[in-house]
C-alpha atoms as a PDB file:
ATOM      1  CA  MET A   1      98.066 181.998 152.278  1.00  0.00           C
ATOM      2  CA  LEU A   2      97.863 185.433 153.778  1.00  0.00           C
ATOM      3  CA  THR A   3      94.454 185.914 152.238  1.00  0.00           C
ATOM      4  CA  MET A   4      93.179 182.642 153.762  1.00  0.00           C
ATOM      5  CA  ARG A   5      94.496 183.633 157.204  1.00  0.00           C
ATOM      6  CA  THR A   6      92.916 187.066 156.897  1.00  0.00           C
ATOM      7  CA  ALA A   7      89.569 185.545 155.918  1.00  0.00           C
ATOM      8  CA  ALA A   8      89.734 183.050 158.789  1.00  0.00           C
ATOM      9  CA  ARG A   9      90.595 185.830 161.250  1.00  0.00           C
ATOM     10  CA  GLN A  10      87.698 187.898 159.982  1.00  0.00           C
ATOM     11  CA  ARG A  11      85.294 184.970 160.424  1.00  0.00           C
ATOM     12  CA  LEU A  12      86.595 184.450 163.957  1.00  0.00           C
ATOM     13  CA  TRP A  13      86.080 188.097 164.863  1.00  0.00           C
ATOM     14  CA  THR A  14      82.632 187.964 163.311  1.00  0.00           C
ATOM     15  CA  LEU A  15      81.743 184.970 165.513  1.00  0.00           C
ATOM     16  CA  VAL A  16      83.185 186.678 168.578  1.00  0.00           C
ATOM     17  CA  SER A  17      81.219 189.851 167.866  1.00  0.00           C
ATOM     18  CA  LEU A  18      78.012 187.852 167.435  1.00  0.00           C
ATOM     19  CA  LEU A  19      78.521 185.893 170.653  1.00  0.00           C
ATOM     20  CA  PRO A  20      77.073 188.602 172.982  1.00  0.00           C
ATOM     21  CA  ILE A  21      74.020 188.864 170.737  1.00  0.00           C
ATOM     22  CA  ALA A  22      73.542 185.090 170.847  1.00  0.00           C
ATOM     23  CA  VAL A  23      73.904 185.115 174.633  1.00  0.00           C
ATOM     24  CA  LEU A  24      71.405 187.977 174.880  1.00  0.00           C
ATOM     25  CA  CYS A  25      68.911 186.086 172.694  1.00  0.00           C
ATOM     26  CA  GLY A  26      69.345 183.042 174.900  1.00  0.00           C
ATOM     27  CA  VAL A  27      68.727 185.089 178.057  1.00  0.00           C
ATOM     28  CA  VAL A  28      65.638 186.697 176.540  1.00  0.00           C
ATOM     29  CA  ALA A  29      64.300 183.319 175.377  1.00  0.00           C
ATOM     30  CA  TYR A  30      64.843 181.836 178.830  1.00  0.00           C
ATOM     31  CA  ALA A  31      63.309 184.804 180.642  1.00  0.00           C
ATOM     32  CA  TYR A  32      60.234 185.166 178.460  1.00  0.00           C
ATOM     33  CA  LEU A  33      59.603 181.691 177.078  1.00  0.00           C
ATOM     34  CA  ILE A  34      61.313 178.831 178.886  1.00  0.00           C
ATOM     35  CA  ARG A  35      61.167 180.117 182.460  1.00  0.00           C
ATOM     36  CA  PRO A  36      57.452 181.118 182.411  1.00  0.00           C
ATOM     37  CA  TRP A  37      56.587 177.772 180.793  1.00  0.00           C
ATOM     38  CA  ARG A  38      58.554 175.862 183.424  1.00  0.00           C
ATOM     39  CA  ALA A  39      57.119 178.034 186.205  1.00  0.00           C
ATOM     40  CA  SER A  40      53.595 177.494 184.896  1.00  0.00           C
ATOM     41  CA  ASN A  41      54.059 173.735 184.750  1.00  0.00           C
ATOM     42  CA  THR A  42      55.674 173.750 188.206  1.00  0.00           C
ATOM     43  CA  THR A  43      52.786 175.788 189.647  1.00  0.00           C
ATOM     44  CA  LYS A  44      50.211 173.439 188.119  1.00  0.00           C
ATOM     45  CA  ALA A  45      52.078 170.392 189.420  1.00  0.00           C
ATOM     46  CA  THR A  46      52.396 171.971 192.881  1.00  0.00           C
ATOM     47  CA  TRP A  47      48.702 172.873 192.982  1.00  0.00           C
ATOM     48  CA  ALA A  48      47.681 169.351 191.923  1.00  0.00           C
ATOM     49  CA  ALA A  49      49.999 167.750 194.475  1.00  0.00           C
ATOM     50  CA  GLN A  50      48.761 169.962 197.323  1.00  0.00           C
ATOM     51  CA  ARG A  51      45.147 169.354 196.338  1.00  0.00           C
ATOM     52  CA  GLU A  52      45.649 165.590 196.359  1.00  0.00           C
ATOM     53  CA  GLU A  53      47.378 165.849 199.740  1.00  0.00           C
ATOM     54  CA  ILE A  54      44.534 167.641 201.504  1.00  0.00           C
ATOM     55  CA  ARG A  55      41.620 165.772 199.847  1.00  0.00           C
ATOM     56  CA  PRO A  56      41.520 162.850 202.282  1.00  0.00           C
ATOM     57  CA  LEU A  57      42.269 165.135 205.235  1.00  0.00           C
ATOM     58  CA  LEU A  58      39.281 167.303 204.390  1.00  0.00           C
ATOM     59  CA  LEU A  59      36.997 164.307 204.001  1.00  0.00           C
ATOM     60  CA  ASP A  60      38.148 162.846 207.302  1.00  0.00           C
ATOM     61  CA  LEU A  61      36.681 165.840 209.150  1.00  0.00           C
ATOM     62  CA  LEU A  62      33.183 164.602 208.291  1.00  0.00           C
ATOM     63  CA  SER A  63      31.440 161.942 210.322  1.00  0.00           C
ATOM     64  CA  GLU A  64      30.075 158.885 208.513  1.00  0.00           C
ATOM     65  CA  GLU A  65      26.538 160.252 208.916  1.00  0.00           C
ATOM     66  CA  GLN A  66      27.498 163.623 207.431  1.00  0.00           C
ATOM     67  CA  THR A  67      29.234 161.956 204.481  1.00  0.00           C
ATOM     68  CA  ARG A  68      26.187 159.764 203.859  1.00  0.00           C
ATOM     69  CA  GLU A  69      23.847 162.786 203.871  1.00  0.00           C
ATOM     70  CA  ILE A  70      26.032 164.541 201.296  1.00  0.00           C
ATOM     71  CA  LYS A  71      26.253 161.513 199.005  1.00  0.00           C
ATOM     72  CA  GLU A  72      22.479 161.053 199.228  1.00  0.00           C
ATOM     73  CA  SER A  73      21.977 164.744 198.346  1.00  0.00           C
ATOM     74  CA  LYS A  74      20.185 165.511 201.588  1.00  0.00           C
ATOM     75  CA  ALA A  75      22.507 168.172 203.004  1.00  0.00           C
ATOM     76  CA  LYS A  76      25.582 170.325 202.535  1.00  0.00           C
ATOM     77  CA  TYR A  77      28.101 171.242 205.223  1.00  0.00           C
ATOM     78  CA  GLN A  78      30.404 174.184 205.841  1.00  0.00           C
ATOM     79  CA  ALA A  79      33.285 174.838 208.214  1.00  0.00           C
ATOM     80  CA  ASP A  80      35.382 177.934 208.938  1.00  0.00           C
ATOM     81  CA  LEU A  81      39.103 177.779 208.317  1.00  0.00           C
ATOM     82  CA  ALA A  82      39.772 178.930 211.895  1.00  0.00           C
ATOM     83  CA  ASP A  83      38.027 175.802 213.257  1.00  0.00           C
ATOM     84  CA  LEU A  84      40.162 173.350 211.262  1.00  0.00           C
ATOM     85  CA  PRO A  85      43.310 171.678 212.651  1.00  0.00           C
ATOM     86  CA  SER A  86      46.288 174.056 212.462  1.00  0.00           C
ATOM     87  CA  GLY A  87      48.245 171.801 210.074  1.00  0.00           C
ATOM     88  CA  LEU A  88      45.313 171.620 207.660  1.00  0.00           C
ATOM     89  CA  GLN A  89      44.905 175.407 207.864  1.00  0.00           C
ATOM     90  CA  ARG A  90      48.496 175.829 206.685  1.00  0.00           C
ATOM     91  CA  ASN A  91      47.947 173.327 203.857  1.00  0.00           C
ATOM     92  CA  ILE A  92      44.857 175.190 202.664  1.00  0.00           C
ATOM     93  CA  LYS A  93      46.663 178.541 202.732  1.00  0.00           C
ATOM     94  CA  ARG A  94      49.498 177.035 200.676  1.00  0.00           C
ATOM     95  CA  LEU A  95      46.921 175.667 198.224  1.00  0.00           C
ATOM     96  CA  LEU A  96      45.373 179.106 197.853  1.00  0.00           C
ATOM     97  CA  GLU A  97      48.806 180.631 197.315  1.00  0.00           C
ATOM     98  CA  SER A  98      49.461 178.102 194.539  1.00  0.00           C
ATOM     99  CA  SER A  99      46.147 179.147 193.000  1.00  0.00           C
ATOM    100  CA  GLY A 100      47.108 182.813 192.797  1.00  0.00           C
ATOM    101  CA  VAL A 101      45.955 184.243 196.135  1.00  0.00           C
ATOM    102  CA  GLY A 102      49.428 184.287 197.678  1.00  0.00           C
ATOM    103  CA  GLY A 103      50.548 187.558 199.201  1.00  0.00           C
ATOM    104  CA  LYS A 104      47.004 188.900 199.532  1.00  0.00           C
ATOM    105  CA  ARG A 105      45.182 189.489 202.786  1.00  0.00           C
ATOM    106  CA  LEU A 106      42.669 186.694 203.405  1.00  0.00           C
ATOM    107  CA  VAL A 107      39.539 188.161 204.948  1.00  0.00           C
ATOM    108  CA  GLU A 108      37.528 184.950 205.204  1.00  0.00           C
ATOM    109  CA  VAL A 109      38.007 181.312 204.223  1.00  0.00           C
ATOM    110  CA  LYS A 110      35.376 178.575 204.373  1.00  0.00           C
ATOM    111  CA  VAL A 111      35.370 174.949 203.338  1.00  0.00           C
ATOM    112  CA  GLY A 112      32.109 173.673 201.877  1.00  0.00           C
ATOM    113  CA  TYR A 113      31.043 170.085 201.244  1.00  0.00           C
ATOM    114  CA  ALA A 114      28.234 169.475 198.756  1.00  0.00           C
ATOM    115  CA  PRO A 115      26.768 166.663 196.661  1.00  0.00           C
ATOM    116  CA  SER A 116      28.648 166.541 193.371  1.00  0.00           C
ATOM    117  CA  ALA A 117      25.262 166.519 191.625  1.00  0.00           C
ATOM    118  CA  ILE A 118      24.843 170.203 192.520  1.00  0.00           C
ATOM    119  CA  GLU A 119      27.688 171.093 190.154  1.00  0.00           C
ATOM    120  CA  ASP A 120      27.875 168.017 187.953  1.00  0.00           C
ATOM    121  CA  PRO A 121      25.714 164.899 188.408  1.00  0.00           C
ATOM    122  CA  VAL A 122      28.255 162.306 189.542  1.00  0.00           C
ATOM    123  CA  ALA A 123      26.592 159.971 192.002  1.00  0.00           C
ATOM    124  CA  GLY A 124      28.310 159.114 195.256  1.00  0.00           C
ATOM    125  CA  GLU A 125      30.932 161.863 195.311  1.00  0.00           C
ATOM    126  CA  VAL A 126      31.554 164.810 197.583  1.00  0.00           C
ATOM    127  CA  SER A 127      32.390 168.155 196.007  1.00  0.00           C
ATOM    128  CA  VAL A 128      34.707 170.294 198.136  1.00  0.00           C
ATOM    129  CA  HIS A 129      34.773 174.073 197.725  1.00  0.00           C
ATOM    130  CA  ILE A 130      37.296 176.362 199.395  1.00  0.00           C
ATOM    131  CA  PHE A 131      35.842 179.882 199.459  1.00  0.00           C
ATOM    132  CA  SER A 132      38.306 182.649 200.241  1.00  0.00           C
ATOM    133  CA  THR A 133      37.593 186.353 200.340  1.00  0.00           C
ATOM    134  CA  VAL A 134      40.476 188.689 199.685  1.00  0.00           C
ATOM    135  CA  SER A 135      40.080 192.398 199.420  1.00  0.00           C
ATOM    136  CA  PRO A 136      38.372 193.303 197.145  1.00  0.00           C
ATOM    137  CA  LYS A 137      37.204 190.024 195.570  1.00  0.00           C
ATOM    138  CA  SER A 138      36.325 186.411 196.308  1.00  0.00           C
ATOM    139  CA  PHE A 139      38.123 183.300 195.144  1.00  0.00           C
ATOM    140  CA  SER A 140      37.059 179.668 195.041  1.00  0.00           C
ATOM    141  CA  VAL A 141      38.819 176.335 194.614  1.00  0.00           C
ATOM    142  CA  ALA A 142      36.592 173.335 193.888  1.00  0.00           C
ATOM    143  CA  PHE A 143      37.276 169.658 193.303  1.00  0.00           C
ATOM    144  CA  GLY A 144      35.515 166.306 193.609  1.00  0.00           C
ATOM    145  CA  CYS A 145      36.448 164.038 196.463  1.00  0.00           C
ATOM    146  CA  GLY A 146      35.346 160.523 195.636  1.00  0.00           C
ATOM    147  CA  GLU A 147      37.384 158.069 197.712  1.00  0.00           C
ATOM    148  CA  PRO A 148      37.782 154.287 197.253  1.00  0.00           C
ATOM    149  CA  ALA A 149      35.671 152.132 199.529  1.00  0.00           C
ATOM    150  CA  GLY A 150      37.433 151.127 202.712  1.00  0.00           C
ATOM    151  CA  ALA A 151      40.030 153.906 202.522  1.00  0.00           C
ATOM    152  CA  ARG A 152      41.807 154.375 205.851  1.00  0.00           C
ATOM    153  CA  ARG A 153      41.150 157.600 207.718  1.00  0.00           C
ATOM    154  CA  ARG A 154      44.126 159.934 208.076  1.00  0.00           C
ATOM    155  CA  GLY A 155      42.492 162.391 210.443  1.00  0.00           C
ATOM    156  CA  LYS A 156      39.939 162.642 213.228  1.00  0.00           C
ATOM    157  CA  PRO A 157      36.270 163.437 212.452  1.00  0.00           C
ATOM    158  CA  ARG A 158      35.140 166.824 213.744  1.00  0.00           C
ATOM    159  CA  PRO A 159      31.399 166.867 213.078  1.00  0.00           C
ATOM    160  CA  GLN A 160      30.856 169.563 215.732  1.00  0.00           C
ATOM    161  CA  ILE A 161      32.558 172.271 213.629  1.00  0.00           C
ATOM    162  CA  MET A 162      30.292 171.634 210.627  1.00  0.00           C
ATOM    163  CA  ARG A 163      27.239 173.751 209.834  1.00  0.00           C
ATOM    164  CA  ARG A 164      24.474 171.741 208.182  1.00  0.00           C
ATOM    165  CA  ILE A 165      22.603 173.224 205.190  1.00  0.00           C
ATOM    166  CA  SER A 166      19.627 171.234 203.956  1.00  0.00           C
ATOM    167  CA  CYS A 167      19.432 170.773 200.201  1.00  0.00           C
ATOM    168  CA  ALA A 168      17.330 169.277 197.417  1.00  0.00           C
ATOM    169  CA  VAL A 169      18.870 167.783 194.281  1.00  0.00           C
ATOM    170  CA  VAL A 170      16.938 166.651 191.206  1.00  0.00           C
ATOM    171  CA  ASP A 171      18.369 165.415 187.909  1.00  0.00           C
ATOM    172  CA  GLN A 172      15.779 163.847 185.613  1.00  0.00           C
ATOM    173  CA  GLN A 173      14.364 163.724 182.085  1.00  0.00           C
ATOM    174  CA  VAL A 174      10.978 165.304 181.307  1.00  0.00           C
ATOM    175  CA  SER A 175       8.501 165.127 178.428  1.00  0.00           C
ATOM    176  CA  PRO A 176       8.622 167.544 175.458  1.00  0.00           C
ATOM    177  CA  ASN A 177       5.252 169.011 176.520  1.00  0.00           C
ATOM    178  CA  GLU A 178       6.542 169.872 179.996  1.00  0.00           C
ATOM    179  CA  PHE A 179       9.764 171.308 178.621  1.00  0.00           C
ATOM    180  CA  GLU A 180       7.947 173.423 176.007  1.00  0.00           C
ATOM    181  CA  ALA A 181       5.561 174.866 178.602  1.00  0.00           C
ATOM    182  CA  TRP A 182       8.419 175.942 180.886  1.00  0.00           C
ATOM    183  CA  TRP A 183      10.392 177.327 177.941  1.00  0.00           C
ATOM    184  CA  GLU A 184       7.474 179.417 176.655  1.00  0.00           C
ATOM    185  CA  TRP A 185       6.800 180.851 180.108  1.00  0.00           C
ATOM    186  CA  THR A 186      10.440 181.807 180.645  1.00  0.00           C
ATOM    187  CA  ALA A 187      10.804 183.275 177.149  1.00  0.00           C
ATOM    188  CA  THR A 188       7.626 185.346 177.601  1.00  0.00           C
ATOM    189  CA  ALA A 189       9.054 186.779 180.825  1.00  0.00           C
ATOM    190  CA  LEU A 190      12.711 187.298 179.849  1.00  0.00           C
ATOM    191  CA  ILE A 191      12.658 188.375 176.186  1.00  0.00           C
ATOM    192  CA  PRO A 192      10.832 191.698 176.817  1.00  0.00           C
ATOM    193  CA  LEU A 193      12.964 192.216 179.930  1.00  0.00           C
ATOM    194  CA  ALA A 194      16.284 191.746 178.092  1.00  0.00           C
ATOM    195  CA  GLY A 195      15.411 194.102 175.234  1.00  0.00           C
ATOM    196  CA  PRO A 196      16.622 194.008 171.605  1.00  0.00           C
ATOM    197  CA  PRO A 197      19.484 191.671 170.652  1.00  0.00           C
ATOM    198  CA  HIS A 198      22.870 192.806 169.371  1.00  0.00           C
ATOM    199  CA  GLU A 199      26.102 191.194 168.251  1.00  0.00           C
ATOM    200  CA  THR A 200      28.658 190.992 171.051  1.00  0.00           C
ATOM    201  CA  PRO A 201      31.690 193.235 170.362  1.00  0.00           C
ATOM    202  CA  GLY A 202      34.780 191.164 169.673  1.00  0.00           C
ATOM    203  CA  GLN A 203      32.735 187.944 169.411  1.00  0.00           C
ATOM    204  CA  PRO A 204      31.414 187.604 165.857  1.00  0.00           C
ATOM    205  CA  GLY A 205      28.273 185.503 165.652  1.00  0.00           C
ATOM    206  CA  VAL A 206      27.379 185.822 169.354  1.00  0.00           C
ATOM    207  CA  VAL A 207      23.991 187.555 169.417  1.00  0.00           C
ATOM    208  CA  VAL A 208      22.612 188.445 172.838  1.00  0.00           C
ATOM    209  CA  ALA A 209      20.163 190.713 174.629  1.00  0.00           C
ATOM    210  CA  SER A 210      21.054 191.348 178.261  1.00  0.00           C
ATOM    211  CA  SER A 211      20.707 193.563 181.303  1.00  0.00           C
ATOM    212  CA  PRO A 212      23.082 196.554 181.333  1.00  0.00           C
ATOM    213  CA  PRO A 213      26.332 195.945 183.254  1.00  0.00           C
ATOM    214  CA  PRO A 214      27.098 197.510 186.660  1.00  0.00           C
ATOM    215  CA  PRO A 215      26.870 200.143 187.962  1.00  0.00           C
ATOM    216  CA  ALA A 216      23.495 200.312 186.203  1.00  0.00           C
ATOM    217  CA  ARG A 217      20.665 199.265 188.503  1.00  0.00           C
ATOM    218  CA  ARG A 218      17.423 197.471 187.698  1.00  0.00           C
ATOM    219  CA  SER A 219      14.141 199.314 188.093  1.00  0.00           C
ATOM    220  CA  ALA A 220      11.481 198.122 190.515  1.00  0.00           C
ATOM    221  CA  SER A 221       9.371 196.815 187.604  1.00  0.00           C
ATOM    222  CA  GLN A 222      12.332 194.904 186.142  1.00  0.00           C
ATOM    223  CA  LEU A 223      13.074 193.266 189.507  1.00  0.00           C
ATOM    224  CA  ALA A 224       9.395 192.408 189.945  1.00  0.00           C
ATOM    225  CA  GLN A 225       9.293 190.729 186.512  1.00  0.00           C
ATOM    226  CA  ALA A 226      12.459 188.729 187.229  1.00  0.00           C
ATOM    227  CA  ARG A 227      11.024 187.713 190.597  1.00  0.00           C
ATOM    228  CA  GLN A 228       7.817 186.499 188.965  1.00  0.00           C
ATOM    229  CA  CYS A 229       9.797 184.251 186.633  1.00  0.00           C
ATOM    230  CA  LEU A 230      11.937 182.788 189.420  1.00  0.00           C
ATOM    231  CA  GLU A 231       8.946 182.233 191.692  1.00  0.00           C
ATOM    232  CA  TYR A 232       6.828 180.540 189.028  1.00  0.00           C
ATOM    233  CA  LEU A 233       9.319 177.851 188.003  1.00  0.00           C
ATOM    234  CA  PRO A 234      10.003 176.157 191.374  1.00  0.00           C
ATOM    235  CA  ASN A 235       6.261 175.977 191.944  1.00  0.00           C
ATOM    236  CA  VAL A 236       5.617 174.004 188.732  1.00  0.00           C
ATOM    237  CA  LEU A 237       8.812 171.933 188.493  1.00  0.00           C
ATOM    238  CA  PRO A 238       8.627 168.395 189.929  1.00  0.00           C
ATOM    239  CA  LYS A 239      10.436 168.342 193.282  1.00  0.00           C
ATOM    240  CA  PRO A 240      11.087 165.772 196.019  1.00  0.00           C
ATOM    241  CA  GLU A 241       8.177 165.198 198.389  1.00  0.00           C
ATOM    242  CA  PRO A 242       6.970 166.666 200.673  1.00  0.00           C
ATOM    243  CA  SER A 243       6.670 169.836 198.656  1.00  0.00           C
ATOM    244  CA  GLU A 244       5.366 173.241 199.744  1.00  0.00           C
ATOM    245  CA  PRO A 245       4.484 176.446 197.857  1.00  0.00           C
ATOM    246  CA  VAL A 246       7.644 178.441 197.120  1.00  0.00           C
ATOM    247  CA  SER A 247       7.787 182.139 197.912  1.00  0.00           C
ATOM    248  CA  LEU A 248      10.563 184.635 197.171  1.00  0.00           C
ATOM    249  CA  GLY A 249      11.261 187.923 198.878  1.00  0.00           C
ATOM    250  CA  ASP A 250      11.716 191.061 196.779  1.00  0.00           C
ATOM    251  CA  LEU A 251      14.881 190.785 194.686  1.00  0.00           C
ATOM    252  CA  ARG A 252      17.836 192.947 195.659  1.00  0.00           C
ATOM    253  CA  ASP A 253      19.451 192.660 192.238  1.00  0.00           C
ATOM    254  CA  ALA A 254      19.129 190.662 189.026  1.00  0.00           C
ATOM    255  CA  ASP A 255      21.051 189.949 185.828  1.00  0.00           C
ATOM    256  CA  TYR A 256      19.569 188.327 182.741  1.00  0.00           C
ATOM    257  CA  SER A 257      20.491 187.510 179.154  1.00  0.00           C
ATOM    258  CA  VAL A 258      18.906 185.883 176.096  1.00  0.00           C
ATOM    259  CA  TYR A 259      21.075 184.349 173.360  1.00  0.00           C
ATOM    260  CA  TYR A 260      19.886 184.114 169.729  1.00  0.00           C
ATOM    261  CA  THR A 261      21.053 182.148 166.693  1.00  0.00           C
ATOM    262  CA  ASP A 262      21.515 185.341 164.630  1.00  0.00           C
ATOM    263  CA  LEU A 263      20.215 188.890 164.106  1.00  0.00           C
ATOM    264  CA  THR A 264      17.480 188.056 161.586  1.00  0.00           C
ATOM    265  CA  PRO A 265      13.779 188.448 162.476  1.00  0.00           C
ATOM    266  CA  GLN A 266      13.449 184.635 162.267  1.00  0.00           C
ATOM    267  CA  ALA A 267      16.270 184.089 164.793  1.00  0.00           C
ATOM    268  CA  ARG A 268      15.681 181.357 167.338  1.00  0.00           C
ATOM    269  CA  VAL A 269      16.425 181.689 171.065  1.00  0.00           C
ATOM    270  CA  GLU A 270      19.137 179.226 172.128  1.00  0.00           C
ATOM    271  CA  GLN A 271      19.805 180.058 175.774  1.00  0.00           C
ATOM    272  CA  MET A 272      18.350 182.116 178.618  1.00  0.00           C
ATOM    273  CA  TYR A 273      19.997 183.092 181.903  1.00  0.00           C
ATOM    274  CA  LEU A 274      18.666 184.761 185.008  1.00  0.00           C
ATOM    275  CA  GLY A 275      20.544 185.358 188.258  1.00  0.00           C
ATOM    276  CA  ALA A 276      19.244 187.170 191.319  1.00  0.00           C
ATOM    277  CA  ALA A 277      20.038 188.048 194.917  1.00  0.00           C
ATOM    278  CA  LEU A 278      17.118 187.769 197.314  1.00  0.00           C
ATOM    279  CA  PRO A 279      16.778 188.205 201.081  1.00  0.00           C
ATOM    280  CA  SER A 280      14.468 185.244 201.656  1.00  0.00           C
ATOM    281  CA  LEU A 281      13.274 182.019 200.065  1.00  0.00           C
ATOM    282  CA  THR A 282      10.654 179.779 201.670  1.00  0.00           C
ATOM    283  CA  GLY A 283       9.028 176.466 200.736  1.00  0.00           C
ATOM    284  CA  VAL A 284      12.254 174.713 199.688  1.00  0.00           C
ATOM    285  CA  PRO A 285      15.442 173.609 201.474  1.00  0.00           C
ATOM    286  CA  ALA A 286      18.082 176.279 202.001  1.00  0.00           C
ATOM    287  CA  SER A 287      20.121 175.052 199.014  1.00  0.00           C
ATOM    288  CA  GLY A 288      19.094 173.233 195.865  1.00  0.00           C
ATOM    289  CA  SER A 289      19.871 172.118 192.339  1.00  0.00           C
ATOM    290  CA  LEU A 290      16.973 171.192 190.042  1.00  0.00           C
ATOM    291  CA  ARG A 291      18.014 169.975 186.593  1.00  0.00           C
ATOM    292  CA  TYR A 292      15.533 168.753 183.947  1.00  0.00           C
ATOM    293  CA  GLY A 293      16.636 167.502 180.550  1.00  0.00           C
ATOM    294  CA  CYS A 294      14.677 166.738 177.393  1.00  0.00           C
ATOM    295  CA  GLY A 295      16.479 164.656 174.797  1.00  0.00           C
ATOM    296  CA  SER A 296      14.024 165.272 171.966  1.00  0.00           C
ATOM    297  CA  VAL A 297      14.789 169.018 171.934  1.00  0.00           C
ATOM    298  CA  GLY A 298      18.394 168.680 173.083  1.00  0.00           C
ATOM    299  CA  GLY A 299      17.847 171.022 175.996  1.00  0.00           C
ATOM    300  CA  ALA A 300      17.957 171.362 179.750  1.00  0.00           C
ATOM    301  CA  LEU A 301      16.596 173.611 182.473  1.00  0.00           C
ATOM    302  CA  TRP A 302      18.782 174.129 185.536  1.00  0.00           C
ATOM    303  CA  LEU A 303      17.571 176.062 188.560  1.00  0.00           C
ATOM    304  CA  ARG A 304      19.835 176.337 191.600  1.00  0.00           C
ATOM    305  CA  TRP A 305      20.080 178.447 194.733  1.00  0.00           C
ATOM    306  CA  ASP A 306      22.502 178.770 197.604  1.00  0.00           C
ATOM    307  CA  PRO A 307      22.635 180.842 200.820  1.00  0.00           C
ATOM    308  CA  GLN A 308      25.479 183.348 201.066  1.00  0.00           C
ATOM    309  CA  GLN A 309      25.810 185.411 204.245  1.00  0.00           C
ATOM    310  CA  ASP A 310      22.568 187.438 204.575  1.00  0.00           C
ATOM    311  CA  GLU A 311      21.027 186.556 201.216  1.00  0.00           C
ATOM    312  CA  THR A 312      20.323 183.719 198.793  1.00  0.00           C
ATOM    313  CA  MET A 313      21.746 183.634 195.287  1.00  0.00           C
ATOM    314  CA  MET A 314      19.433 182.039 192.713  1.00  0.00           C
ATOM    315  CA  PHE A 315      20.358 181.114 189.135  1.00  0.00           C
ATOM    316  CA  LEU A 316      18.358 179.911 186.150  1.00  0.00           C
ATOM    317  CA  GLN A 317      20.017 178.452 183.055  1.00  0.00           C
ATOM    318  CA  PHE A 318      17.748 177.339 180.209  1.00  0.00           C
ATOM    319  CA  LYS A 319      19.041 176.124 176.833  1.00  0.00           C
ATOM    320  CA  ARG A 320      17.916 174.110 173.833  1.00  0.00           C
ATOM    321  CA  GLU A 321      19.344 172.985 170.491  1.00  0.00           C
ATOM    322  CA  LYS A 322      16.113 172.457 168.494  1.00  0.00           C
END
């Protein structure tokens, strides 16, 4: 009997001694697993709710004519945060805080309205971008804003605060002969520029040749070759009429990369990228998105450009599967 009581007492003291450890494990699990998971889900839910709340308010700032121009891919519009209604300004700042910009000094915030086809070809939608600059980097929130027909306005149109940016949007299929000609021209220009391919560190199987990362700068001859490639394509690609000869100013900077299937001498090029900053671009609207697909080779060419402050950013993405 005494032995049973002693054993029971020992088990009790063992449980009591383990209790603080169990509590500590529970605290650690809550602090490092449960709480971050709940906080993450709460942040995502908050961001989604705030986004849905301001969507119709942002759209209501546009006049019917401005909305029609965006949906028909004729123009983009921008507005400064300071020109928006004070309540909407607060909503946008809360949205940015939910997206990870909270507590940082906002240098500049703009709201941009663009045809959804510029980012993803969805007819009849407006893509809203909130651009915020915080020292020392920029941040962007983007979402589509398609609204049901006949939706009631919740705010007052303010077309006078909008800056109009003309644009051209193309999304069409082309013949294999056209696609091959553009591909060969781009490959001839970019492959020597990018240099020899190598396997990307930490990414087995990703073989790429690319421009050296910053702070390395491109030489004058490298910028001239990249400019030649970017100036040739918009002059041969089918564009909306009327069409004029396209001319680029000297590039301020450029980045480029060529992706291969493998490191063998018979390796095939899968993708090519070229991005550049240029001071001027004439012969086309201020902003544009030209996308040409070819089903028989499983590929697409996408050329887009957009004005940013005192320069225009231009991007080329070219890929194929066969």
